[in-house]
Structures are given as C-alpha cells and as structure tokens.
C-alpha atoms as a PDB file:
ATOM      1  CA  UNK A   1     -18.983 -28.778  -6.912  1.00  0.00           C
ATOM      2  CA  UNK A   2     -20.692 -25.500  -6.022  1.00  0.00           C
ATOM      3  CA  UNK A   3     -20.694 -22.541  -8.327  1.00  0.00           C
ATOM      4  CA  UNK A   4     -18.661 -19.476  -7.519  1.00  0.00           C
ATOM      5  CA  UNK A   5     -20.424 -16.972  -5.276  1.00  0.00           C
ATOM      6  CA  UNK A   6     -19.537 -14.176  -7.709  1.00  0.00           C
ATOM      7  CA  UNK A   7     -21.878 -15.679 -10.322  1.00  0.00           C
ATOM      8  CA  UNK A   8     -25.432 -14.375  -9.851  1.00  0.00           C
ATOM      9  CA  UNK A   9     -28.223 -16.919  -9.785  1.00  0.00           C
ATOM     10  CA  UNK A  10     -31.978 -16.894 -10.265  1.00  0.00           C
ATOM     11  CA  UNK A  11     -33.951 -13.668 -10.600  1.00  0.00           C
ATOM     12  CA  UNK A  12     -30.945 -11.436  -9.944  1.00  0.00           C
ATOM     13  CA  UNK A  13     -29.156 -12.772 -13.020  1.00  0.00           C
ATOM     14  CA  UNK A  14     -32.228 -12.101 -15.157  1.00  0.00           C
ATOM     15  CA  UNK A  15     -32.793  -8.670 -13.626  1.00  0.00           C
ATOM     16  CA  UNK A  16     -29.196  -7.625 -14.272  1.00  0.00           C
ATOM     17  CA  UNK A  17     -29.329  -8.920 -17.834  1.00  0.00           C
ATOM     18  CA  UNK A  18     -32.630  -7.115 -18.456  1.00  0.00           C
ATOM     19  CA  UNK A  19     -31.260  -3.913 -16.888  1.00  0.00           C
ATOM     20  CA  UNK A  20     -28.215  -4.004 -19.155  1.00  0.00           C
ATOM     21  CA  UNK A  21     -30.291  -4.906 -22.210  1.00  0.00           C
ATOM     22  CA  UNK A  22     -32.709  -2.028 -21.505  1.00  0.00           C
ATOM     23  CA  UNK A  23     -29.874   0.488 -21.167  1.00  0.00           C
ATOM     24  CA  UNK A  24     -27.969  -0.842 -24.181  1.00  0.00           C
ATOM     25  CA  UNK A  25     -30.995  -0.716 -26.465  1.00  0.00           C
ATOM     26  CA  UNK A  26     -31.869   2.764 -25.182  1.00  0.00           C
ATOM     27  CA  UNK A  27     -28.379   3.984 -26.074  1.00  0.00           C
ATOM     28  CA  UNK A  28     -28.524   2.276 -29.466  1.00  0.00           C
ATOM     29  CA  UNK A  29     -31.904   3.831 -30.181  1.00  0.00           C
ATOM     30  CA  UNK A  30     -30.613   7.400 -29.789  1.00  0.00           C
ATOM     31  CA  UNK A  31     -28.609   7.531 -33.061  1.00  0.00           C
ATOM     32  CA  UNK A  32     -30.951   5.073 -34.779  1.00  0.00           C
ATOM     33  CA  UNK A  33     -34.015   7.166 -33.954  1.00  0.00           C
ATOM     34  CA  UNK A  34     -32.233  10.307 -35.158  1.00  0.00           C
ATOM     35  CA  UNK A  35     -31.425   8.487 -38.406  1.00  0.00           C
ATOM     36  CA  UNK A  36     -35.047   7.365 -38.757  1.00  0.00           C
ATOM     37  CA  UNK A  37     -36.355  10.893 -38.119  1.00  0.00           C
ATOM     38  CA  UNK A  38     -33.928  12.314 -40.701  1.00  0.00           C
ATOM     39  CA  UNK A  39     -35.006   9.633 -43.187  1.00  0.00           C
ATOM     40  CA  UNK A  40     -38.683  10.395 -42.624  1.00  0.00           C
ATOM     41  CA  UNK A  41     -38.061  14.119 -43.040  1.00  0.00           C
ATOM     42  CA  UNK A  42     -36.097  13.488 -46.234  1.00  0.00           C
ATOM     43  CA  UNK A  43     -38.923  11.343 -47.582  1.00  0.00           C
ATOM     44  CA  UNK A  44     -41.778  13.622 -46.573  1.00  0.00           C
ATOM     45  CA  UNK A  45     -43.572  14.668 -49.722  1.00  0.00           C
ATOM     46  CA  UNK A  46     -41.670  12.137 -51.840  1.00  0.00           C
ATOM     47  CA  UNK A  47     -43.535   9.821 -54.161  1.00  0.00           C
ATOM     48  CA  UNK A  48     -43.757   6.060 -53.644  1.00  0.00           C
ATOM     49  CA  UNK A  49     -40.922   5.154 -56.018  1.00  0.00           C
ATOM     50  CA  UNK A  50     -38.515   7.638 -54.408  1.00  0.00           C
ATOM     51  CA  UNK A  51     -39.295   6.276 -50.944  1.00  0.00           C
ATOM     52  CA  UNK A  52     -38.878   2.732 -52.181  1.00  0.00           C
ATOM     53  CA  UNK A  53     -35.562   3.656 -53.809  1.00  0.00           C
ATOM     54  CA  UNK A  54     -34.257   5.134 -50.526  1.00  0.00           C
ATOM     55  CA  UNK A  55     -35.442   2.158 -48.469  1.00  0.00           C
ATOM     56  CA  UNK A  56     -34.025  -0.254 -51.049  1.00  0.00           C
ATOM     57  CA  UNK A  57     -30.501   0.925 -50.299  1.00  0.00           C
ATOM     58  CA  UNK A  58     -28.729  -1.878 -48.356  1.00  0.00           C
ATOM     59  CA  UNK A  59     -27.194   0.533 -45.822  1.00  0.00           C
ATOM     60  CA  UNK A  60     -30.534   2.197 -45.135  1.00  0.00           C
ATOM     61  CA  UNK A  61     -32.260  -1.185 -44.882  1.00  0.00           C
ATOM     62  CA  UNK A  62     -29.598  -2.423 -42.477  1.00  0.00           C
ATOM     63  CA  UNK A  63     -30.055   0.637 -40.260  1.00  0.00           C
ATOM     64  CA  UNK A  64     -33.847   0.285 -40.378  1.00  0.00           C
ATOM     65  CA  UNK A  65     -33.568  -3.382 -39.372  1.00  0.00           C
ATOM     66  CA  UNK A  66     -31.174  -2.467 -36.542  1.00  0.00           C
ATOM     67  CA  UNK A  67     -33.709   0.107 -35.378  1.00  0.00           C
ATOM     68  CA  UNK A  68     -36.488  -2.482 -35.480  1.00  0.00           C
ATOM     69  CA  UNK A  69     -34.491  -5.079 -33.525  1.00  0.00           C
ATOM     70  CA  UNK A  70     -33.357  -2.565 -30.934  1.00  0.00           C
ATOM     71  CA  UNK A  71     -36.840  -1.078 -30.506  1.00  0.00           C
ATOM     72  CA  UNK A  72     -38.493  -4.500 -30.193  1.00  0.00           C
ATOM     73  CA  UNK A  73     -35.963  -5.685 -27.600  1.00  0.00           C
ATOM     74  CA  UNK A  74     -36.379  -2.412 -25.698  1.00  0.00           C
ATOM     75  CA  UNK A  75     -40.171  -2.795 -25.842  1.00  0.00           C
ATOM     76  CA  UNK A  76     -40.073  -6.409 -24.642  1.00  0.00           C
ATOM     77  CA  UNK A  77     -37.875  -5.650 -21.649  1.00  0.00           C
ATOM     78  CA  UNK A  78     -39.804  -2.498 -20.745  1.00  0.00           C
ATOM     79  CA  UNK A  79     -43.205  -4.164 -20.893  1.00  0.00           C
ATOM     80  CA  UNK A  80     -41.774  -7.165 -19.047  1.00  0.00           C
ATOM     81  CA  UNK A  81     -40.789  -4.839 -16.203  1.00  0.00           C
ATOM     82  CA  UNK A  82     -44.294  -3.367 -16.093  1.00  0.00           C
ATOM     83  CA  UNK A  83     -45.794  -6.873 -16.065  1.00  0.00           C
ATOM     84  CA  UNK A  84     -43.412  -7.969 -13.305  1.00  0.00           C
ATOM     85  CA  UNK A  85     -44.425  -4.986 -11.167  1.00  0.00           C
ATOM     86  CA  UNK A  86     -48.173  -4.800 -11.757  1.00  0.00           C
ATOM     87  CA  UNK A  87     -49.568  -8.179 -12.862  1.00  0.00           C
ATOM     88  CA  UNK A  88     -50.323 -10.410  -9.884  1.00  0.00           C
ATOM     89  CA  UNK A  89     -51.421 -14.004  -9.787  1.00  0.00           C
ATOM     90  CA  UNK A  90     -49.334 -16.753 -11.308  1.00  0.00           C
ATOM     91  CA  UNK A  91     -51.664 -17.520 -14.237  1.00  0.00           C
ATOM     92  CA  UNK A  92     -52.090 -13.906 -15.388  1.00  0.00           C
ATOM     93  CA  UNK A  93     -48.424 -13.171 -14.800  1.00  0.00           C
ATOM     94  CA  UNK A  94     -47.302 -16.038 -17.061  1.00  0.00           C
ATOM     95  CA  UNK A  95     -50.034 -15.228 -19.587  1.00  0.00           C
ATOM     96  CA  UNK A  96     -49.016 -11.562 -19.763  1.00  0.00           C
ATOM     97  CA  UNK A  97     -45.303 -12.373 -20.101  1.00  0.00           C
ATOM     98  CA  UNK A  98     -46.038 -14.910 -22.835  1.00  0.00           C
ATOM     99  CA  UNK A  99     -48.303 -12.468 -24.683  1.00  0.00           C
ATOM    100  CA  UNK A 100     -45.615  -9.792 -24.398  1.00  0.00           C
ATOM    101  CA  UNK A 101     -42.992 -12.060 -25.954  1.00  0.00           C
ATOM    102  CA  UNK A 102     -45.307 -13.271 -28.716  1.00  0.00           C
ATOM    103  CA  UNK A 103     -46.420  -9.729 -29.558  1.00  0.00           C
ATOM    104  CA  UNK A 104     -42.827  -8.477 -29.724  1.00  0.00           C
ATOM    105  CA  UNK A 105     -41.769 -11.403 -31.912  1.00  0.00           C
ATOM    106  CA  UNK A 106     -44.753 -10.850 -34.238  1.00  0.00           C
ATOM    107  CA  UNK A 107     -44.110  -7.110 -34.560  1.00  0.00           C
ATOM    108  CA  UNK A 108     -40.384  -7.651 -35.061  1.00  0.00           C
ATOM    109  CA  UNK A 109     -40.768 -10.369 -37.680  1.00  0.00           C
ATOM    110  CA  UNK A 110     -43.460  -8.486 -39.609  1.00  0.00           C
ATOM    111  CA  UNK A 111     -41.365  -5.305 -39.615  1.00  0.00           C
ATOM    112  CA  UNK A 112     -38.170  -7.053 -40.660  1.00  0.00           C
ATOM    113  CA  UNK A 113     -40.095  -8.940 -43.368  1.00  0.00           C
ATOM    114  CA  UNK A 114     -41.403  -5.619 -44.722  1.00  0.00           C
ATOM    115  CA  UNK A 115     -37.929  -4.059 -44.712  1.00  0.00           C
ATOM    116  CA  UNK A 116     -36.404  -7.089 -46.453  1.00  0.00           C
ATOM    117  CA  UNK A 117     -39.241  -7.193 -48.976  1.00  0.00           C
ATOM    118  CA  UNK A 118     -38.483  -3.589 -49.950  1.00  0.00           C
ATOM    119  CA  UNK A 119     -34.738  -4.312 -50.042  1.00  0.00           C
ATOM    120  CA  UNK A 120     -35.148  -7.348 -52.304  1.00  0.00           C
ATOM    121  CA  UNK A 121     -37.623  -5.526 -54.501  1.00  0.00           C
ATOM    122  CA  UNK A 122     -40.821  -7.557 -54.305  1.00  0.00           C
END
C-alpha cells in the first residue's frame, strides 16, 4: 500500500525538519541567551565560590543546560546547511557531515558534563 501523498519523503522531509529545528532553536536561544548574558554580568567580578554557588542552583543549571542543548542543535543544523551547500564530492560531503555531528556531540556532552559537575558539587 502506498503512502499518502501528503507525507513528505526523502530530502524534503529532512529539509523541512531541519528548517523547523533551526527556527525553533533560534527562538529558544533568544530568552536563553538573554538569561546567560544577565548571569555573566551578575557574575562579573565575583570570586570563584560565588560563581560556583550561582551555577550550583538547580534552576540556573537547568537553564544553562537548555542553552547548551539549544545552541548545539542550532550549530549542528546551521553547519549542516553550509556543508550541504558548499562541500562537493560524496566522500568529503559525508566526511564533513560526520565531523559536524561528532563535533557537536563532543561539545554538547563536555558542556553538559561541566554544568552537571558544578551542580553536583564535584
């Protein structure tokens, strides 16, 4: 039985999903970036223990982790679009997309690990 014609297939489905993900993360990053800027301004000139106390707050840690996840997803989709447009040749295209995903995962995991380490108190 054939699928409904209203269901997108192939690259169009991925492009639409990436378009929506890019716009959603951009909208999410507006208040999250404002929060992060306010946090950095509040902590400017503070000593290490004060900064650690602020970042150890569960609400602050949650917002920082949301910012990290949103920024990493936004970065992955944005760089993926650049790779799709400008990297030619099957081998380099796949290599660049794979490197993009691995880099974003590494940055995201390292950042979330750091935020959780501060939250837990290690």
